[in-house]
Protein backbone atom coordinates (compact mmCIF):
# COMPACT_ATOMS: atom_id res chain seq x y z
CA UNK A 1 10.01 16.57 24.08
CA UNK A 2 8.16 14.54 21.43
CA UNK A 3 8.89 15.46 17.80
CA UNK A 4 6.33 17.72 16.17
CA UNK A 5 3.72 15.81 14.19
CA UNK A 6 3.44 16.53 10.48
CA UNK A 7 0.19 17.69 8.91
CA UNK A 8 -0.23 14.28 7.26
CA UNK A 9 0.32 12.47 10.54
CA UNK A 10 -2.31 14.60 12.26
CA UNK A 11 -4.74 13.86 9.43
CA UNK A 12 -4.30 10.07 9.73
CA UNK A 13 -4.38 10.20 13.52
CA UNK A 14 -7.81 11.81 13.27
CA UNK A 15 -9.00 9.13 10.83
CA UNK A 16 -7.76 6.36 13.13
CA UNK A 17 -10.89 6.76 15.25
CA UNK A 18 -13.15 5.54 12.44
CA UNK A 19 -10.75 3.47 10.30
CA UNK A 20 -11.63 -0.20 9.78
CA UNK A 21 -14.91 -0.01 11.64
CA UNK A 22 -16.44 -3.52 12.20
CA UNK A 23 -18.67 -4.75 9.38
CA UNK A 24 -21.92 -6.69 9.60
CA UNK A 25 -19.83 -9.81 8.87
CA UNK A 26 -17.05 -9.96 11.49
CA UNK A 27 -15.85 -13.30 10.09
CA UNK A 28 -15.86 -12.11 6.48
CA UNK A 29 -13.66 -13.81 3.93
CA UNK A 30 -10.81 -12.13 2.08
CA UNK A 31 -11.48 -9.05 0.02
CA UNK A 32 -10.87 -9.29 -3.72
CA UNK A 33 -7.49 -7.60 -3.21
CA UNK A 34 -6.33 -10.23 -0.69
CA UNK A 35 -7.58 -13.07 -2.88
CA UNK A 36 -5.49 -11.68 -5.74
CA UNK A 37 -2.46 -11.05 -3.52
CA UNK A 38 -2.22 -14.47 -1.88
CA UNK A 39 -0.77 -16.36 -4.91
CA UNK A 40 2.24 -14.01 -4.80
CA UNK A 41 2.98 -14.71 -1.12
CA UNK A 42 4.81 -17.78 0.23
CA UNK A 43 5.13 -19.31 3.70
CA UNK A 44 8.85 -18.42 3.77
CA UNK A 45 8.30 -14.74 2.94
CA UNK A 46 9.16 -11.73 5.07
CA UNK A 47 6.67 -9.02 4.16
CA UNK A 48 6.64 -5.24 4.60
CA UNK A 49 3.24 -3.51 4.66
CA UNK A 50 3.79 0.15 3.77
CA UNK A 51 0.93 2.25 5.17
CA UNK A 52 -0.52 -0.59 7.25
CA UNK A 53 -3.15 1.53 9.07
CA UNK A 54 -4.69 -0.66 11.80
CA UNK A 55 -3.09 -3.81 10.42
CA UNK A 56 -6.20 -5.69 9.33
CA UNK A 57 -4.51 -6.96 6.16
CA UNK A 58 -1.43 -8.11 8.07
CA UNK A 59 -3.42 -10.02 10.67
CA UNK A 60 -5.21 -11.93 7.91
CA UNK A 61 -2.00 -12.75 6.05
CA UNK A 62 0.08 -13.62 9.12
CA UNK A 63 -0.66 -17.37 9.14
CA UNK A 64 0.54 -17.62 5.52
CA UNK A 65 4.00 -15.99 5.89
CA UNK A 66 7.15 -16.08 7.99
CA UNK A 67 6.76 -12.50 9.28
CA UNK A 68 5.04 -9.21 8.47
CA UNK A 69 6.34 -5.79 9.42
CA UNK A 70 3.68 -3.06 9.22
CA UNK A 71 4.69 0.60 9.12
CA UNK A 72 2.56 3.73 9.23
CA UNK A 73 3.15 7.41 10.03
CA UNK A 74 0.15 7.51 12.37
CA UNK A 75 0.98 6.61 15.96
CA UNK A 76 -2.72 6.03 16.66
CA UNK A 77 -3.05 3.60 13.76
CA UNK A 78 0.01 1.71 14.99
CA UNK A 79 -1.29 1.61 18.57
CA UNK A 80 -4.57 0.11 17.36
CA UNK A 81 -2.72 -2.42 15.17
CA UNK A 82 -0.58 -3.56 18.10
CA UNK A 83 -3.66 -3.97 20.28
CA UNK A 84 -5.34 -6.09 17.61
CA UNK A 85 -2.24 -8.30 17.23
CA UNK A 86 -2.01 -8.78 20.97
CA UNK A 87 -5.71 -9.56 21.28
CA UNK A 88 -5.42 -12.13 18.49
CA UNK A 89 -2.18 -13.55 19.90
CA UNK A 90 -0.45 -13.08 16.53
CA UNK A 91 3.27 -13.42 17.17
CA UNK A 92 4.77 -12.93 13.70
CA UNK A 93 3.39 -9.45 12.99
CA UNK A 94 5.33 -6.36 14.07
CA UNK A 95 4.00 -2.79 13.87
CA UNK A 96 6.21 0.31 13.89
CA UNK A 97 5.56 4.03 13.47
CA UNK A 98 7.88 4.80 10.57
CA UNK A 99 8.17 6.02 7.01
CA UNK A 100 9.46 3.94 4.11
CA UNK A 101 12.79 5.76 4.48
CA UNK A 102 13.37 4.72 8.09
CA UNK A 103 16.98 3.60 8.53
CA UNK A 104 15.92 0.55 10.53
CA UNK A 105 14.58 -0.98 7.30
CA UNK A 106 17.52 -2.85 5.81
CA UNK A 107 18.35 -3.18 2.11
CA UNK A 108 17.13 -6.34 0.37
CA UNK A 109 15.44 -7.64 3.53
CA UNK A 110 11.89 -8.21 2.23
CA UNK A 111 10.45 -10.75 -0.18
CA UNK A 112 7.22 -8.79 -0.65
CA UNK A 113 6.20 -5.17 -0.10
CA UNK A 114 2.49 -4.40 0.21
CA UNK A 115 1.39 -0.85 -0.58
CA UNK A 116 -2.38 -0.56 -0.60
CA UNK A 117 -3.82 2.87 -1.43
CA UNK A 118 -0.69 4.79 -0.48
CA UNK A 119 1.18 5.97 -3.60
CA UNK A 120 -1.44 8.50 -4.68
CA UNK A 121 -1.04 10.22 -1.30
CA UNK A 122 2.73 10.70 -1.58
CA UNK A 123 4.26 13.95 -2.77
CA UNK A 124 7.16 11.99 -4.29
CA UNK A 125 5.90 8.53 -5.22
CA UNK A 126 8.82 7.83 -7.62
CA UNK A 127 11.27 8.34 -4.75
CA UNK A 128 9.29 5.91 -2.57
CA UNK A 129 9.33 3.36 -5.41
CA UNK A 130 13.12 3.62 -5.60
CA UNK A 131 13.30 2.95 -1.87
CA UNK A 132 11.01 -0.08 -2.22
CA UNK A 133 13.26 -1.46 -4.94
CA UNK A 134 16.16 -1.04 -2.52
CA UNK A 135 14.30 -2.90 0.27
CA UNK A 136 13.20 -5.83 -1.88
CA UNK A 137 15.32 -8.93 -2.31
CA UNK A 138 16.19 -9.82 -5.93
CA UNK A 139 13.09 -11.41 -7.42
CA UNK A 140 10.88 -9.90 -4.72
CA UNK A 141 7.64 -8.19 -5.62
CA UNK A 142 5.60 -5.10 -4.85
CA UNK A 143 1.85 -5.68 -4.55
CA UNK A 144 -0.15 -2.49 -4.71
CA UNK A 145 -3.61 -1.05 -5.07
CA UNK A 146 -3.60 2.38 -6.66
CA UNK A 147 -6.36 4.70 -7.86
CA UNK A 148 -5.15 6.05 -11.21
CA UNK A 149 -7.54 8.95 -11.10
CA UNK A 150 -6.35 10.52 -14.36
CA UNK A 151 -7.90 7.54 -16.16
CA UNK A 152 -11.43 7.97 -17.45
CA UNK A 153 -13.80 6.39 -14.92
CA UNK A 154 -17.54 6.62 -14.46
CA UNK A 155 -19.23 10.00 -14.06
CA UNK A 156 -19.58 9.33 -10.33
CA UNK A 157 -15.88 8.48 -9.96
CA UNK A 158 -14.83 11.58 -11.92
CA UNK A 159 -17.06 13.74 -9.71
CA UNK A 160 -15.58 12.28 -6.53
CA UNK A 161 -12.02 12.77 -7.80
CA UNK A 162 -12.79 16.37 -8.69
CA UNK A 163 -13.93 16.99 -5.11
CA UNK A 164 -10.81 15.21 -3.81
CA UNK A 165 -8.57 17.38 -5.99
CA UNK A 166 -10.25 20.56 -4.77
CA UNK A 167 -9.98 19.45 -1.13
CA UNK A 168 -6.31 18.63 -1.64
CA UNK A 169 -5.62 22.00 -3.27
CA UNK A 170 -7.29 23.74 -0.34
CA UNK A 171 -5.17 21.75 2.13
CA UNK A 172 -8.15 19.97 3.67
CA UNK A 173 -6.68 16.54 2.88
CA UNK A 174 -3.15 15.38 1.97
CA UNK A 175 -1.65 15.77 -1.49
CA UNK A 176 -3.19 13.54 -4.18
CA UNK A 177 -1.15 12.27 -7.15
CA UNK A 178 -3.45 12.02 -10.17
CA UNK A 179 -1.80 9.70 -12.68
CA UNK A 180 -2.64 7.39 -15.55
CA UNK A 181 -1.88 3.67 -15.63
CA UNK A 182 0.89 4.37 -18.14
CA UNK A 183 2.48 6.95 -15.82
CA UNK A 184 2.32 4.51 -12.90
CA UNK A 185 3.98 1.79 -14.98
CA UNK A 186 6.70 4.19 -16.12
CA UNK A 187 7.42 5.28 -12.54
CA UNK A 188 7.68 1.67 -11.37
CA UNK A 189 9.85 0.66 -14.31
CA UNK A 190 12.16 3.64 -13.73
CA UNK A 191 12.65 2.38 -10.17
CA UNK A 192 13.62 -1.10 -11.39
CA UNK A 193 10.20 -2.62 -10.67
CA UNK A 194 8.72 -4.28 -13.75
CA UNK A 195 4.93 -4.53 -13.78
CA UNK A 196 3.73 -8.10 -14.34
CA UNK A 197 0.03 -7.68 -13.61
CA UNK A 198 -2.35 -4.73 -13.75
CA UNK A 199 -6.10 -5.14 -13.32
CA UNK A 200 -8.87 -2.64 -12.76
CA UNK A 201 -10.64 -3.96 -9.65
CA UNK A 202 -14.10 -2.91 -10.83
CA UNK A 203 -14.91 -1.53 -14.24
CA UNK A 204 -14.99 2.25 -14.35
CA UNK A 205 -13.53 2.81 -10.86
CA UNK A 206 -9.98 3.63 -12.04
CA UNK A 207 -8.67 1.62 -9.05
CA UNK A 208 -6.01 -0.89 -10.05
CA UNK A 209 -4.40 -3.98 -8.56
CA UNK A 210 -0.73 -3.92 -9.55
CA UNK A 211 2.13 -6.38 -9.14
CA UNK A 212 5.71 -5.35 -9.99
CA UNK A 213 8.83 -7.49 -9.69
CA UNK A 214 12.41 -6.58 -8.88
CA UNK A 215 14.11 -8.58 -11.60
CA UNK A 216 16.49 -8.47 -14.53
CA UNK A 217 15.78 -9.30 -18.14
CA UNK A 218 11.96 -9.20 -18.05
CA UNK A 219 10.56 -7.29 -21.00
CA UNK A 220 8.79 -4.09 -19.99
CA UNK A 221 5.77 -5.00 -22.10
CA UNK A 222 5.47 -8.55 -20.77
CA UNK A 223 2.52 -7.64 -18.58
CA UNK A 224 -0.98 -8.99 -18.06
CA UNK A 225 -3.24 -5.93 -18.38
CA UNK A 226 -7.01 -6.19 -17.94
């Protein structure tokens, strides 16, 4: 008998049908997030993509790294990601249905962890950050995109986040962590991940590109913040 799916897994399985729909530009260049992420990634790196969805990010980054392991709680997302990798004949990308706490993920086995738009959907993000610190090699980095919805954004953004909060409270969508940039930094620092870059991706959106490094001796305030 298959294990019972969680409410969150069912939610993301439903979204898998419409996730990453083709755009008008099938050969489009990197998004701003990928352009910013690439300087932190080397050809010798083994990368973990936490919450990989259908793997579109991993398939783009695959030629630039040693290997990428994408994990997601949605079996339908993972199935679609595997199909895309097979269709593109990408041999160094591996997709697995798993959580960040899966025992198959070994300590200090990754040079980079990607976590795009995932932390705000976790009921215990600080615990996940501790696990990421455990999985990273010394000197490895976490590259994340995170909506810090407790920051003051535009009127439109605040209205959307209000609707999201109501929907979350009613159980229509998964839990949403509403935090400030300062709270995100503190959670990362408490997990041993020192933020080295934080940038709002578009003014007034409250969505931030964040890089944090597993390191010793780096001053907590030594961070580029724009």
